[in-house]
Amino acid sequence: MSKRTSKKIIAGITPEQYQDALSAYALADANAEKNIAGMNVEITGIREKYEAELTLLQAQKEKAFDVVQAYCMENKEALFQKIRHIETSFGKIGFRLGTPKLKTLPKYTWDRVLGKVETVLPQFVRIKKEVDKESILSNRATPEVAPQLAAIGVYVDQEESFFIDLKKESV
């Protein structure tokens, strides 16, 4: 568990200290960008060095996977009678069940299914109520909404944050 710390508020800054700090910030940012660019060049070189071999190995894996899968599909009854996977000296192979999902029968749409469910199994119809926060925010200044905000138990909060947006130049 980490200890929470708060940011120390600095006071009594002179204009010279402000200028020096802003200059140091810009210089550090420019040097960081330069280092990141150098790293990216090196990373690209490493990727290019191994790309051809990795592409070849991926193709070999896919081809071998297809062969193993075809064999297991053809011999599913014999290999996977009691359990859905088998252990080999290389690891486990087998079949996984996917997540169950509902699909409509031919000639049925979800709207038609909803109509049937409403009459046959009404307990499986969902009605979701929630506050439309986006609409309240977009109408917060209107005469109908503004005076009612406190009555409904909300207020509009808009935090302010400080930023430095540097003009990118070479150091």
Protein backbone atom coordinates (compact mmCIF):
# COMPACT_ATOMS: atom_id res chain seq x y z
CA MET A 1 0.00 0.00 0.00
CA SER A 2 1.48 3.34 -1.01
CA LYS A 3 1.34 6.43 1.14
CA ARG A 4 -0.64 9.34 -0.28
CA THR A 5 1.31 12.52 -0.71
CA SER A 6 0.10 15.97 -1.57
CA LYS A 7 1.83 18.38 -3.90
CA LYS A 8 3.67 21.13 -2.06
CA ILE A 9 2.39 24.61 -2.88
CA ILE A 10 5.26 26.95 -3.72
CA ALA A 11 4.81 30.62 -2.93
CA GLY A 12 6.81 33.81 -3.33
CA ILE A 13 8.20 33.07 -6.81
CA THR A 14 10.07 35.94 -8.45
CA PRO A 15 9.69 36.74 -12.16
CA GLU A 16 13.28 35.54 -12.70
CA GLN A 17 12.55 32.18 -10.99
CA TYR A 18 9.40 31.86 -13.12
CA GLN A 19 11.39 32.51 -16.34
CA ASP A 20 14.15 30.08 -15.29
CA ALA A 21 11.62 27.36 -14.42
CA LEU A 22 9.73 27.78 -17.70
CA SER A 23 13.01 27.65 -19.63
CA ALA A 24 14.10 24.51 -17.71
CA TYR A 25 10.71 22.91 -18.41
CA ALA A 26 10.97 23.62 -22.16
CA LEU A 27 14.58 22.36 -22.32
CA ALA A 28 13.75 19.16 -20.42
CA ASP A 29 10.75 18.56 -22.71
CA ALA A 30 12.86 19.09 -25.85
CA ASN A 31 15.57 16.72 -24.57
CA ALA A 32 12.97 14.11 -23.69
CA GLU A 33 11.50 14.36 -27.21
CA LYS A 34 15.00 13.96 -28.68
CA ASN A 35 15.64 10.86 -26.54
CA ILE A 36 12.28 9.36 -27.49
CA ALA A 37 13.04 9.94 -31.19
CA GLY A 38 16.41 8.21 -30.76
CA MET A 39 14.76 5.29 -28.98
CA ASN A 40 12.18 4.97 -31.74
CA VAL A 41 14.94 4.83 -34.39
CA GLU A 42 16.68 2.03 -32.46
CA ILE A 43 13.39 0.15 -31.88
CA THR A 44 12.57 0.38 -35.59
CA GLY A 45 15.98 -1.04 -36.42
CA ILE A 46 15.46 -3.96 -34.06
CA ARG A 47 12.00 -4.65 -35.53
CA GLU A 48 13.41 -4.62 -39.07
CA LYS A 49 16.21 -6.99 -38.03
CA TYR A 50 13.78 -9.67 -36.81
CA GLU A 51 10.72 -8.97 -38.99
CA ALA A 52 11.50 -11.40 -41.84
CA GLU A 53 12.26 -14.31 -39.52
CA LEU A 54 9.20 -13.62 -37.35
CA THR A 55 6.97 -13.53 -40.43
CA LEU A 56 8.38 -16.88 -41.58
CA LEU A 57 7.93 -18.42 -38.12
CA GLN A 58 4.34 -17.13 -37.88
CA ALA A 59 3.53 -18.73 -41.25
CA GLN A 60 5.07 -22.03 -40.04
CA LYS A 61 2.99 -21.88 -36.85
CA GLU A 62 -0.22 -21.24 -38.79
CA LYS A 63 0.44 -24.13 -41.20
CA ALA A 64 1.25 -26.54 -38.34
CA PHE A 65 -1.81 -25.36 -36.38
CA ASP A 66 -4.05 -26.07 -39.38
CA VAL A 67 -2.63 -29.62 -39.71
CA VAL A 68 -3.05 -30.39 -35.98
CA GLN A 69 -6.57 -28.89 -35.99
CA ALA A 70 -7.60 -30.92 -39.06
CA TYR A 71 -6.29 -34.14 -37.48
CA CYS A 72 -8.14 -33.45 -34.23
CA MET A 73 -11.36 -32.59 -36.07
CA GLU A 74 -11.18 -35.83 -38.09
CA ASN A 75 -10.47 -37.88 -34.94
CA LYS A 76 -12.58 -35.93 -32.45
CA GLU A 77 -14.69 -38.93 -31.39
CA ALA A 78 -11.65 -41.09 -30.61
CA LEU A 79 -9.37 -38.45 -29.07
CA PHE A 80 -11.85 -36.40 -27.07
CA GLN A 81 -14.44 -38.92 -25.90
CA LYS A 82 -14.33 -38.19 -22.17
CA ILE A 83 -12.58 -34.82 -21.89
CA ARG A 84 -12.33 -31.80 -24.19
CA HIS A 85 -8.50 -31.71 -24.22
CA ILE A 86 -5.51 -34.03 -24.20
CA GLU A 87 -2.02 -33.60 -22.76
CA THR A 88 0.90 -34.05 -25.12
CA SER A 89 4.63 -33.68 -24.59
CA PHE A 90 4.26 -30.20 -26.14
CA GLY A 91 1.29 -29.07 -24.10
CA LYS A 92 -2.51 -29.30 -24.12
CA ILE A 93 -4.63 -29.44 -27.24
CA GLY A 94 -8.37 -29.60 -27.41
CA PHE A 95 -11.65 -27.82 -27.89
CA ARG A 96 -13.05 -24.97 -25.81
CA LEU A 97 -16.67 -24.03 -25.58
CA GLY A 98 -17.26 -20.40 -26.40
CA THR A 99 -19.48 -18.05 -24.44
CA PRO A 100 -23.14 -18.98 -24.89
CA LYS A 101 -25.16 -16.51 -26.93
CA LEU A 102 -28.67 -16.29 -28.31
CA LYS A 103 -29.33 -16.18 -32.03
CA THR A 104 -32.63 -15.82 -33.81
CA LEU A 105 -34.25 -18.66 -35.71
CA PRO A 106 -34.68 -18.28 -39.47
CA LYS A 107 -37.41 -15.73 -40.33
CA TYR A 108 -37.20 -14.19 -36.83
CA THR A 109 -35.86 -10.75 -35.97
CA TRP A 110 -34.99 -9.43 -32.50
CA ASP A 111 -38.05 -7.16 -32.65
CA ARG A 112 -40.27 -10.17 -33.30
CA VAL A 113 -38.54 -12.08 -30.49
CA LEU A 114 -39.14 -9.13 -28.12
CA GLY A 115 -42.87 -9.23 -28.93
CA LYS A 116 -43.01 -12.96 -28.19
CA VAL A 117 -40.98 -12.62 -24.97
CA GLU A 118 -43.30 -9.82 -23.73
CA THR A 119 -46.25 -12.21 -23.93
CA VAL A 120 -44.68 -15.61 -23.13
CA LEU A 121 -41.79 -14.75 -20.76
CA PRO A 122 -42.38 -11.13 -19.60
CA GLN A 123 -39.92 -11.49 -16.71
CA PHE A 124 -37.12 -11.50 -19.32
CA VAL A 125 -37.90 -8.03 -20.71
CA ARG A 126 -35.49 -5.38 -19.43
CA ILE A 127 -36.52 -1.80 -18.72
CA LYS A 128 -33.57 0.39 -17.79
CA LYS A 129 -34.03 3.78 -16.16
CA GLU A 130 -31.08 6.12 -15.66
CA VAL A 131 -30.33 9.83 -15.37
CA ASP A 132 -29.48 11.43 -18.73
CA LYS A 133 -26.47 13.37 -17.41
CA GLU A 134 -25.40 14.56 -20.86
CA SER A 135 -28.78 16.23 -21.51
CA ILE A 136 -28.80 17.90 -18.11
CA LEU A 137 -25.29 19.26 -18.72
CA SER A 138 -26.12 20.53 -22.19
CA ASN A 139 -29.27 22.29 -20.88
CA ARG A 140 -27.81 23.47 -17.54
CA ALA A 141 -28.05 27.17 -18.43
CA THR A 142 -31.63 27.13 -19.73
CA PRO A 143 -34.36 28.82 -17.64
CA GLU A 144 -36.22 25.51 -17.23
CA VAL A 145 -33.24 23.51 -15.94
CA ALA A 146 -30.92 25.97 -14.11
CA PRO A 147 -33.25 26.72 -11.17
CA GLN A 148 -34.15 23.04 -10.77
CA LEU A 149 -30.62 21.65 -10.38
CA ALA A 150 -30.53 22.02 -6.58
CA ALA A 151 -34.09 20.69 -6.31
CA ILE A 152 -33.07 17.45 -8.02
CA GLY A 153 -29.94 17.18 -5.90
CA VAL A 154 -27.14 18.02 -8.33
CA TYR A 155 -24.75 20.84 -9.15
CA VAL A 156 -22.42 21.43 -12.09
CA ASP A 157 -18.75 21.06 -11.20
CA GLN A 158 -16.05 22.08 -13.64
CA GLU A 159 -12.49 21.68 -12.46
CA GLU A 160 -9.71 23.94 -13.64
CA SER A 161 -6.24 22.59 -14.33
CA PHE A 162 -3.00 24.34 -15.14
CA PHE A 163 -1.10 23.49 -18.34
CA ILE A 164 2.00 24.40 -20.30
CA ASP A 165 1.67 24.03 -24.07
CA LEU A 166 5.15 24.37 -25.57
CA LYS A 167 6.00 25.63 -29.03
CA LYS A 168 8.06 22.74 -30.41
CA GLU A 169 11.42 23.89 -31.70
CA SER A 170 14.79 22.24 -31.95
CA VAL A 171 17.05 22.73 -28.95
